[in-house]
C-alpha atoms as a PDB file:
ATOM      1  CA  UNK A   1     123.638 202.315 147.717  1.00  0.00           C
ATOM      2  CA  UNK A   2     125.221 205.089 149.825  1.00  0.00           C
ATOM      3  CA  UNK A   3     122.810 206.989 151.877  1.00  0.00           C
ATOM      4  CA  UNK A   4     124.263 210.418 151.270  1.00  0.00           C
ATOM      5  CA  UNK A   5     121.249 211.695 149.237  1.00  0.00           C
ATOM      6  CA  UNK A   6     118.979 214.433 150.502  1.00  0.00           C
ATOM      7  CA  UNK A   7     115.741 213.367 152.143  1.00  0.00           C
ATOM      8  CA  UNK A   8     112.919 212.986 149.504  1.00  0.00           C
ATOM      9  CA  UNK A   9     109.327 213.861 150.089  1.00  0.00           C
ATOM     10  CA  UNK A  10     107.118 212.556 147.328  1.00  0.00           C
ATOM     11  CA  UNK A  11     103.746 213.999 146.320  1.00  0.00           C
ATOM     12  CA  UNK A  12     101.427 212.499 143.807  1.00  0.00           C
ATOM     13  CA  UNK A  13      98.691 214.918 142.522  1.00  0.00           C
ATOM     14  CA  UNK A  14      95.584 213.194 141.136  1.00  0.00           C
ATOM     15  CA  UNK A  15      94.123 215.918 139.048  1.00  0.00           C
ATOM     16  CA  UNK A  16      90.672 216.419 137.657  1.00  0.00           C
ATOM     17  CA  UNK A  17      91.262 216.918 133.789  1.00  0.00           C
ATOM     18  CA  UNK A  18      88.907 218.761 131.547  1.00  0.00           C
ATOM     19  CA  UNK A  19      88.847 219.639 127.774  1.00  0.00           C
ATOM     20  CA  UNK A  20      90.315 223.116 128.583  1.00  0.00           C
ATOM     21  CA  UNK A  21      94.034 222.916 128.379  1.00  0.00           C
ATOM     22  CA  UNK A  22      94.629 226.297 129.980  1.00  0.00           C
ATOM     23  CA  UNK A  23      92.390 225.302 132.878  1.00  0.00           C
ATOM     24  CA  UNK A  24      94.215 221.984 133.299  1.00  0.00           C
ATOM     25  CA  UNK A  25      97.535 223.813 133.391  1.00  0.00           C
ATOM     26  CA  UNK A  26      96.279 226.293 135.914  1.00  0.00           C
ATOM     27  CA  UNK A  27      94.831 223.417 138.020  1.00  0.00           C
ATOM     28  CA  UNK A  28      98.191 221.638 137.943  1.00  0.00           C
ATOM     29  CA  UNK A  29     100.062 224.739 139.053  1.00  0.00           C
ATOM     30  CA  UNK A  30      97.814 225.271 141.949  1.00  0.00           C
ATOM     31  CA  UNK A  31      98.193 221.774 143.161  1.00  0.00           C
ATOM     32  CA  UNK A  32     101.991 221.761 142.518  1.00  0.00           C
ATOM     33  CA  UNK A  33     102.484 224.760 144.713  1.00  0.00           C
ATOM     34  CA  UNK A  34     100.162 223.288 147.334  1.00  0.00           C
ATOM     35  CA  UNK A  35     102.335 220.109 147.384  1.00  0.00           C
ATOM     36  CA  UNK A  36     105.533 222.251 147.726  1.00  0.00           C
ATOM     37  CA  UNK A  37     103.963 224.114 150.514  1.00  0.00           C
ATOM     38  CA  UNK A  38     103.484 220.985 152.405  1.00  0.00           C
ATOM     39  CA  UNK A  39     107.365 220.242 152.106  1.00  0.00           C
ATOM     40  CA  UNK A  40     107.216 217.903 148.909  1.00  0.00           C
ATOM     41  CA  UNK A  41     110.470 218.099 146.841  1.00  0.00           C
ATOM     42  CA  UNK A  42     109.512 215.524 144.343  1.00  0.00           C
ATOM     43  CA  UNK A  43     106.162 216.139 142.762  1.00  0.00           C
ATOM     44  CA  UNK A  44     104.377 213.982 140.117  1.00  0.00           C
ATOM     45  CA  UNK A  45     101.413 214.728 137.793  1.00  0.00           C
ATOM     46  CA  UNK A  46      99.093 212.148 136.073  1.00  0.00           C
ATOM     47  CA  UNK A  47      99.390 210.736 132.589  1.00  0.00           C
ATOM     48  CA  UNK A  48      97.749 213.164 129.959  1.00  0.00           C
ATOM     49  CA  UNK A  49      96.919 215.709 132.687  1.00  0.00           C
ATOM     50  CA  UNK A  50      96.651 218.585 130.159  1.00  0.00           C
ATOM     51  CA  UNK A  51      94.187 217.021 127.847  1.00  0.00           C
ATOM     52  CA  UNK A  52      91.312 214.433 127.790  1.00  0.00           C
ATOM     53  CA  UNK A  53      92.644 210.861 127.308  1.00  0.00           C
ATOM     54  CA  UNK A  54      91.696 209.386 124.081  1.00  0.00           C
ATOM     55  CA  UNK A  55      92.957 208.636 120.601  1.00  0.00           C
ATOM     56  CA  UNK A  56      90.909 211.330 119.047  1.00  0.00           C
ATOM     57  CA  UNK A  57      92.200 213.916 121.354  1.00  0.00           C
ATOM     58  CA  UNK A  58      95.942 213.292 120.984  1.00  0.00           C
ATOM     59  CA  UNK A  59      96.375 214.970 117.591  1.00  0.00           C
ATOM     60  CA  UNK A  60      94.294 217.903 118.638  1.00  0.00           C
ATOM     61  CA  UNK A  61      96.137 218.628 121.916  1.00  0.00           C
ATOM     62  CA  UNK A  62      99.632 217.623 120.851  1.00  0.00           C
ATOM     63  CA  UNK A  63     102.391 220.288 121.125  1.00  0.00           C
ATOM     64  CA  UNK A  64     106.105 220.496 120.607  1.00  0.00           C
ATOM     65  CA  UNK A  65     108.475 220.343 123.520  1.00  0.00           C
ATOM     66  CA  UNK A  66     110.498 223.344 122.202  1.00  0.00           C
ATOM     67  CA  UNK A  67     107.786 225.961 122.393  1.00  0.00           C
ATOM     68  CA  UNK A  68     104.603 224.333 123.686  1.00  0.00           C
ATOM     69  CA  UNK A  69     102.574 225.847 126.371  1.00  0.00           C
ATOM     70  CA  UNK A  70     102.576 222.934 128.630  1.00  0.00           C
ATOM     71  CA  UNK A  71     106.378 222.686 128.761  1.00  0.00           C
ATOM     72  CA  UNK A  72     106.708 226.379 129.538  1.00  0.00           C
ATOM     73  CA  UNK A  73     104.031 225.997 132.258  1.00  0.00           C
ATOM     74  CA  UNK A  74     105.703 222.969 133.814  1.00  0.00           C
ATOM     75  CA  UNK A  75     109.105 224.580 133.856  1.00  0.00           C
ATOM     76  CA  UNK A  76     107.527 227.627 135.840  1.00  0.00           C
ATOM     77  CA  UNK A  77     105.742 225.506 138.199  1.00  0.00           C
ATOM     78  CA  UNK A  78     109.000 223.546 139.073  1.00  0.00           C
ATOM     79  CA  UNK A  79     110.954 226.670 139.522  1.00  0.00           C
ATOM     80  CA  UNK A  80     108.298 228.470 141.707  1.00  0.00           C
ATOM     81  CA  UNK A  81     107.733 225.306 143.691  1.00  0.00           C
ATOM     82  CA  UNK A  82     111.672 224.847 144.069  1.00  0.00           C
ATOM     83  CA  UNK A  83     111.092 221.046 143.519  1.00  0.00           C
ATOM     84  CA  UNK A  84     111.673 218.191 141.029  1.00  0.00           C
ATOM     85  CA  UNK A  85     108.606 217.887 138.906  1.00  0.00           C
ATOM     86  CA  UNK A  86     107.685 214.832 136.994  1.00  0.00           C
ATOM     87  CA  UNK A  87     105.283 216.344 134.572  1.00  0.00           C
ATOM     88  CA  UNK A  88     102.838 213.455 134.058  1.00  0.00           C
ATOM     89  CA  UNK A  89     102.526 213.258 130.323  1.00  0.00           C
ATOM     90  CA  UNK A  90     101.337 215.264 127.435  1.00  0.00           C
ATOM     91  CA  UNK A  91     100.620 214.516 123.786  1.00  0.00           C
ATOM     92  CA  UNK A  92     103.925 215.487 122.067  1.00  0.00           C
ATOM     93  CA  UNK A  93     104.312 216.436 118.384  1.00  0.00           C
ATOM     94  CA  UNK A  94     107.762 215.816 116.958  1.00  0.00           C
ATOM     95  CA  UNK A  95     108.253 218.594 114.394  1.00  0.00           C
ATOM     96  CA  UNK A  96     110.849 216.528 112.505  1.00  0.00           C
ATOM     97  CA  UNK A  97     108.428 213.816 111.370  1.00  0.00           C
ATOM     98  CA  UNK A  98     105.084 214.986 112.729  1.00  0.00           C
ATOM     99  CA  UNK A  99     104.802 211.831 114.777  1.00  0.00           C
ATOM    100  CA  UNK A 100     102.888 211.981 118.165  1.00  0.00           C
ATOM    101  CA  UNK A 101     104.135 210.499 121.349  1.00  0.00           C
ATOM    102  CA  UNK A 102     102.868 210.184 124.891  1.00  0.00           C
ATOM    103  CA  UNK A 103     105.657 211.967 126.688  1.00  0.00           C
ATOM    104  CA  UNK A 104     106.612 212.693 130.205  1.00  0.00           C
ATOM    105  CA  UNK A 105     108.916 215.631 130.915  1.00  0.00           C
ATOM    106  CA  UNK A 106     111.000 216.053 133.971  1.00  0.00           C
ATOM    107  CA  UNK A 107     112.196 219.197 135.609  1.00  0.00           C
ATOM    108  CA  UNK A 108     114.672 220.205 138.250  1.00  0.00           C
ATOM    109  CA  UNK A 109     114.065 222.794 141.046  1.00  0.00           C
ATOM    110  CA  UNK A 110     115.451 225.617 138.806  1.00  0.00           C
ATOM    111  CA  UNK A 111     112.852 224.781 136.236  1.00  0.00           C
ATOM    112  CA  UNK A 112     115.273 223.233 133.777  1.00  0.00           C
ATOM    113  CA  UNK A 113     114.068 220.231 131.508  1.00  0.00           C
ATOM    114  CA  UNK A 114     116.357 217.424 132.561  1.00  0.00           C
ATOM    115  CA  UNK A 115     114.712 214.339 131.080  1.00  0.00           C
ATOM    116  CA  UNK A 116     112.056 213.171 128.661  1.00  0.00           C
ATOM    117  CA  UNK A 117     110.370 209.655 128.404  1.00  0.00           C
ATOM    118  CA  UNK A 118     108.273 208.698 125.508  1.00  0.00           C
ATOM    119  CA  UNK A 119     105.864 205.987 126.414  1.00  0.00           C
ATOM    120  CA  UNK A 120     107.563 202.715 125.313  1.00  0.00           C
ATOM    121  CA  UNK A 121     104.669 200.309 125.460  1.00  0.00           C
ATOM    122  CA  UNK A 122     101.575 201.661 123.892  1.00  0.00           C
ATOM    123  CA  UNK A 123      98.070 200.801 125.364  1.00  0.00           C
ATOM    124  CA  UNK A 124      96.661 198.595 122.777  1.00  0.00           C
ATOM    125  CA  UNK A 125      93.979 196.348 124.395  1.00  0.00           C
ATOM    126  CA  UNK A 126      90.610 194.771 123.341  1.00  0.00           C
ATOM    127  CA  UNK A 127      88.703 193.194 126.311  1.00  0.00           C
ATOM    128  CA  UNK A 128      85.437 191.794 124.706  1.00  0.00           C
ATOM    129  CA  UNK A 129      82.374 193.529 126.029  1.00  0.00           C
ATOM    130  CA  UNK A 130      84.344 195.939 128.266  1.00  0.00           C
ATOM    131  CA  UNK A 131      86.936 198.092 126.691  1.00  0.00           C
ATOM    132  CA  UNK A 132      88.834 198.616 123.478  1.00  0.00           C
ATOM    133  CA  UNK A 133      91.586 201.223 123.334  1.00  0.00           C
ATOM    134  CA  UNK A 134      94.458 201.380 120.649  1.00  0.00           C
ATOM    135  CA  UNK A 135      96.872 204.126 121.320  1.00  0.00           C
ATOM    136  CA  UNK A 136      98.682 203.057 118.297  1.00  0.00           C
ATOM    137  CA  UNK A 137      95.994 204.463 116.135  1.00  0.00           C
ATOM    138  CA  UNK A 138      97.577 207.922 116.649  1.00  0.00           C
ATOM    139  CA  UNK A 139     100.614 207.469 118.848  1.00  0.00           C
ATOM    140  CA  UNK A 140     104.262 206.231 118.131  1.00  0.00           C
ATOM    141  CA  UNK A 141     106.097 204.285 120.814  1.00  0.00           C
ATOM    142  CA  UNK A 142     109.282 205.638 122.329  1.00  0.00           C
ATOM    143  CA  UNK A 143     112.540 203.805 121.995  1.00  0.00           C
ATOM    144  CA  UNK A 144     114.501 204.291 125.293  1.00  0.00           C
ATOM    145  CA  UNK A 145     114.314 203.814 128.999  1.00  0.00           C
ATOM    146  CA  UNK A 146     114.689 206.853 131.201  1.00  0.00           C
ATOM    147  CA  UNK A 147     116.705 207.235 134.372  1.00  0.00           C
ATOM    148  CA  UNK A 148     116.868 210.680 135.967  1.00  0.00           C
ATOM    149  CA  UNK A 149     119.647 211.978 138.397  1.00  0.00           C
ATOM    150  CA  UNK A 150     118.217 213.899 141.332  1.00  0.00           C
ATOM    151  CA  UNK A 151     119.550 215.355 144.620  1.00  0.00           C
ATOM    152  CA  UNK A 152     117.881 212.249 146.250  1.00  0.00           C
ATOM    153  CA  UNK A 153     119.458 209.629 144.009  1.00  0.00           C
ATOM    154  CA  UNK A 154     118.432 208.036 140.671  1.00  0.00           C
ATOM    155  CA  UNK A 155     114.807 207.725 139.558  1.00  0.00           C
ATOM    156  CA  UNK A 156     113.416 205.582 136.775  1.00  0.00           C
ATOM    157  CA  UNK A 157     110.430 206.919 134.857  1.00  0.00           C
ATOM    158  CA  UNK A 158     107.697 204.970 132.819  1.00  0.00           C
ATOM    159  CA  UNK A 159     104.276 205.712 131.653  1.00  0.00           C
ATOM    160  CA  UNK A 160     101.119 203.648 132.432  1.00  0.00           C
ATOM    161  CA  UNK A 161     101.254 200.452 130.287  1.00  0.00           C
ATOM    162  CA  UNK A 162     105.165 200.336 130.773  1.00  0.00           C
ATOM    163  CA  UNK A 163     104.410 199.169 134.318  1.00  0.00           C
ATOM    164  CA  UNK A 164     103.215 195.847 132.913  1.00  0.00           C
ATOM    165  CA  UNK A 165     106.680 194.902 131.685  1.00  0.00           C
ATOM    166  CA  UNK A 166     109.063 193.874 134.489  1.00  0.00           C
ATOM    167  CA  UNK A 167     112.267 194.463 132.599  1.00  0.00           C
ATOM    168  CA  UNK A 168     112.310 198.443 132.680  1.00  0.00           C
ATOM    169  CA  UNK A 169     112.007 198.334 136.380  1.00  0.00           C
ATOM    170  CA  UNK A 170     114.648 195.659 136.775  1.00  0.00           C
ATOM    171  CA  UNK A 171     117.049 197.525 134.595  1.00  0.00           C
ATOM    172  CA  UNK A 172     116.420 200.728 136.672  1.00  0.00           C
ATOM    173  CA  UNK A 173     117.180 198.940 139.922  1.00  0.00           C
ATOM    174  CA  UNK A 174     120.421 197.449 138.263  1.00  0.00           C
ATOM    175  CA  UNK A 175     121.307 200.888 137.334  1.00  0.00           C
ATOM    176  CA  UNK A 176     121.001 202.367 140.824  1.00  0.00           C
ATOM    177  CA  UNK A 177     117.506 203.658 140.786  1.00  0.00           C
ATOM    178  CA  UNK A 178     115.768 203.852 144.175  1.00  0.00           C
ATOM    179  CA  UNK A 179     112.336 204.463 142.633  1.00  0.00           C
ATOM    180  CA  UNK A 180     110.117 203.991 139.612  1.00  0.00           C
ATOM    181  CA  UNK A 181     107.568 206.577 138.873  1.00  0.00           C
ATOM    182  CA  UNK A 182     104.680 205.885 136.546  1.00  0.00           C
ATOM    183  CA  UNK A 183     102.196 208.563 135.542  1.00  0.00           C
ATOM    184  CA  UNK A 184      99.211 206.279 134.465  1.00  0.00           C
ATOM    185  CA  UNK A 185      95.568 206.168 133.603  1.00  0.00           C
ATOM    186  CA  UNK A 186      94.282 202.695 134.241  1.00  0.00           C
ATOM    187  CA  UNK A 187      90.467 202.358 133.651  1.00  0.00           C
ATOM    188  CA  UNK A 188      87.445 200.895 135.366  1.00  0.00           C
ATOM    189  CA  UNK A 189      88.303 197.359 133.806  1.00  0.00           C
ATOM    190  CA  UNK A 190      92.059 197.150 134.307  1.00  0.00           C
ATOM    191  CA  UNK A 191      92.280 199.294 137.402  1.00  0.00           C
ATOM    192  CA  UNK A 192      90.466 196.936 139.844  1.00  0.00           C
ATOM    193  CA  UNK A 193      92.478 193.880 138.452  1.00  0.00           C
ATOM    194  CA  UNK A 194      96.093 195.120 138.331  1.00  0.00           C
ATOM    195  CA  UNK A 195      96.703 198.707 139.219  1.00  0.00           C
ATOM    196  CA  UNK A 196      97.866 198.110 142.736  1.00  0.00           C
ATOM    197  CA  UNK A 197      98.923 194.445 141.967  1.00  0.00           C
ATOM    198  CA  UNK A 198     101.499 195.743 139.363  1.00  0.00           C
ATOM    199  CA  UNK A 199     102.956 198.467 141.488  1.00  0.00           C
ATOM    200  CA  UNK A 200     103.617 195.984 144.372  1.00  0.00           C
ATOM    201  CA  UNK A 201     104.914 193.508 142.002  1.00  0.00           C
ATOM    202  CA  UNK A 202     107.536 195.885 140.483  1.00  0.00           C
ATOM    203  CA  UNK A 203     108.426 197.091 144.037  1.00  0.00           C
ATOM    204  CA  UNK A 204     108.909 193.657 145.638  1.00  0.00           C
ATOM    205  CA  UNK A 205     110.710 192.255 142.559  1.00  0.00           C
ATOM    206  CA  UNK A 206     113.299 195.033 142.797  1.00  0.00           C
ATOM    207  CA  UNK A 207     113.160 196.129 146.358  1.00  0.00           C
ATOM    208  CA  UNK A 208     112.557 199.680 145.330  1.00  0.00           C
ATOM    209  CA  UNK A 209     109.858 202.368 145.814  1.00  0.00           C
ATOM    210  CA  UNK A 210     107.113 202.441 143.141  1.00  0.00           C
ATOM    211  CA  UNK A 211     104.509 205.182 142.681  1.00  0.00           C
ATOM    212  CA  UNK A 212     101.745 205.472 140.063  1.00  0.00           C
ATOM    213  CA  UNK A 213      99.926 208.726 139.557  1.00  0.00           C
ATOM    214  CA  UNK A 214      96.487 208.780 137.966  1.00  0.00           C
ATOM    215  CA  UNK A 215      93.920 211.319 136.838  1.00  0.00           C
ATOM    216  CA  UNK A 216      90.775 211.712 138.965  1.00  0.00           C
ATOM    217  CA  UNK A 217      87.855 209.930 137.680  1.00  0.00           C
ATOM    218  CA  UNK A 218      85.266 211.758 135.501  1.00  0.00           C
ATOM    219  CA  UNK A 219      82.184 209.633 134.500  1.00  0.00           C
ATOM    220  CA  UNK A 220      81.096 212.489 132.049  1.00  0.00           C
ATOM    221  CA  UNK A 221      84.401 211.905 130.181  1.00  0.00           C
ATOM    222  CA  UNK A 222      84.675 209.398 127.312  1.00  0.00           C
ATOM    223  CA  UNK A 223      87.468 207.527 129.372  1.00  0.00           C
ATOM    224  CA  UNK A 224      86.882 206.659 132.869  1.00  0.00           C
ATOM    225  CA  UNK A 225      90.155 206.709 134.898  1.00  0.00           C
ATOM    226  CA  UNK A 226      90.379 204.308 137.878  1.00  0.00           C
ATOM    227  CA  UNK A 227      92.157 206.976 140.004  1.00  0.00           C
ATOM    228  CA  UNK A 228      93.696 205.527 143.261  1.00  0.00           C
ATOM    229  CA  UNK A 229      97.098 207.013 142.865  1.00  0.00           C
ATOM    230  CA  UNK A 230      99.434 204.948 145.101  1.00  0.00           C
ATOM    231  CA  UNK A 231     102.903 204.791 146.664  1.00  0.00           C
ATOM    232  CA  UNK A 232     104.403 201.457 147.437  1.00  0.00           C
ATOM    233  CA  UNK A 233     107.451 200.573 149.519  1.00  0.00           C
ATOM    234  CA  UNK A 234     110.439 198.392 148.684  1.00  0.00           C
ATOM    235  CA  UNK A 235     108.939 195.591 150.572  1.00  0.00           C
ATOM    236  CA  UNK A 236     105.806 195.695 148.471  1.00  0.00           C
ATOM    237  CA  UNK A 237     103.732 197.326 151.123  1.00  0.00           C
ATOM    238  CA  UNK A 238     101.368 200.070 150.327  1.00  0.00           C
ATOM    239  CA  UNK A 239     102.495 203.309 152.034  1.00  0.00           C
ATOM    240  CA  UNK A 240      99.744 205.648 150.770  1.00  0.00           C
ATOM    241  CA  UNK A 241      96.764 205.448 148.407  1.00  0.00           C
ATOM    242  CA  UNK A 242      93.660 207.352 147.678  1.00  0.00           C
ATOM    243  CA  UNK A 243      90.163 207.133 146.118  1.00  0.00           C
ATOM    244  CA  UNK A 244      89.101 208.297 142.668  1.00  0.00           C
ATOM    245  CA  UNK A 245      88.689 212.033 143.478  1.00  0.00           C
ATOM    246  CA  UNK A 246      91.122 214.904 142.965  1.00  0.00           C
ATOM    247  CA  UNK A 247      93.746 215.211 145.760  1.00  0.00           C
ATOM    248  CA  UNK A 248      97.302 214.686 146.838  1.00  0.00           C
ATOM    249  CA  UNK A 249      99.077 212.053 148.710  1.00  0.00           C
ATOM    250  CA  UNK A 250     102.654 212.263 150.325  1.00  0.00           C
ATOM    251  CA  UNK A 251     105.248 209.926 151.422  1.00  0.00           C
ATOM    252  CA  UNK A 252     108.853 210.132 152.724  1.00  0.00           C
ATOM    253  CA  UNK A 253     111.136 207.738 150.596  1.00  0.00           C
ATOM    254  CA  UNK A 254     113.652 206.603 153.010  1.00  0.00           C
ATOM    255  CA  UNK A 255     116.742 205.150 151.401  1.00  0.00           C
ATOM    256  CA  UNK A 256     118.107 203.839 154.536  1.00  0.00           C
ATOM    257  CA  UNK A 257     115.031 201.732 155.122  1.00  0.00           C
ATOM    258  CA  UNK A 258     115.374 200.437 151.455  1.00  0.00           C
ATOM    259  CA  UNK A 259     119.042 199.636 151.939  1.00  0.00           C
ATOM    260  CA  UNK A 260     118.360 197.725 155.268  1.00  0.00           C
ATOM    261  CA  UNK A 261     115.600 195.671 153.602  1.00  0.00           C
ATOM    262  CA  UNK A 262     117.757 194.790 150.556  1.00  0.00           C
ATOM    263  CA  UNK A 263     120.513 193.557 153.012  1.00  0.00           C
ATOM    264  CA  UNK A 264     118.069 191.437 155.078  1.00  0.00           C
ATOM    265  CA  UNK A 265     116.644 189.759 151.986  1.00  0.00           C
ATOM    266  CA  UNK A 266     119.268 190.151 149.307  1.00  0.00           C
ATOM    267  CA  UNK A 267     118.182 189.954 145.628  1.00  0.00           C
ATOM    268  CA  UNK A 268     120.058 192.580 143.708  1.00  0.00           C
ATOM    269  CA  UNK A 269     123.423 191.119 144.611  1.00  0.00           C
ATOM    270  CA  UNK A 270     122.214 187.352 144.032  1.00  0.00           C
ATOM    271  CA  UNK A 271     120.548 187.763 140.570  1.00  0.00           C
ATOM    272  CA  UNK A 272     122.227 185.499 138.079  1.00  0.00           C
ATOM    273  CA  UNK A 273     121.936 187.445 134.930  1.00  0.00           C
ATOM    274  CA  UNK A 274     124.731 185.275 133.273  1.00  0.00           C
ATOM    275  CA  UNK A 275     122.257 182.354 133.329  1.00  0.00           C
ATOM    276  CA  UNK A 276     119.056 184.474 132.526  1.00  0.00           C
ATOM    277  CA  UNK A 277     120.645 185.868 129.400  1.00  0.00           C
ATOM    278  CA  UNK A 278     122.018 182.563 128.113  1.00  0.00           C
ATOM    279  CA  UNK A 279     119.163 180.129 128.862  1.00  0.00           C
ATOM    280  CA  UNK A 280     121.153 177.334 127.124  1.00  0.00           C
ATOM    281  CA  UNK A 281     123.214 177.131 130.435  1.00  0.00           C
ATOM    282  CA  UNK A 282     119.930 176.093 132.364  1.00  0.00           C
ATOM    283  CA  UNK A 283     120.219 172.431 133.504  1.00  0.00           C
ATOM    284  CA  UNK A 284     117.487 170.077 132.098  1.00  0.00           C
END
């Protein structure tokens, strides 16, 4: 990858989320502008940052992308911050079929909506005695992977449960992405087990930056987010992380460092996809 891209300063904003959508949007704006004032030019919000996280809330808070208040607000935030904004995710209602999606919207520094990602892998789990959550009760899964061109290079976007599947990150790396960004909301069961582990796995598998941005934890809410928003380097090293409270973390994403690491321990150029796709070629 040529190192002609602009320097990238990433900010993950771990927001406290309430039942008041307007308050959530105002809180997001305050923190986006704060991050920009600290030099961040790629800013990320959490999954479901504008509403409580829960299957019962998705239909109530869902809005269209064409004229919904959240998209308008996010566009203005990006423009005023003069930064790329990965707008976490919101419950999206598609007016053509009334289906509801968990959707991430991405904006350029002029406030233009440049990409959308509908969560491909819905969060349907049942851990006996601990947690049961079935997004598919109200949400529909997306059907495409998302890669976004920026002034820094190409970025892949997923949402929460998407991180458990290695293929989207592998495809993103093969398509020239230097980072995978995952707005996510792991919980008090899955968070301690796999939140950091999965980020480091996706990073070291593909020698790319990986960042996951969570809501802050609210023990008075029906869903308790793990928090601990984290940025991982291409060697699988944790660059920055935080606790469960509202706040912002920053990191400079250095493509030169990434390229040097890829050259020293080559994976991308040595992957034998010809063998992986046709398993019949494998030797007994």
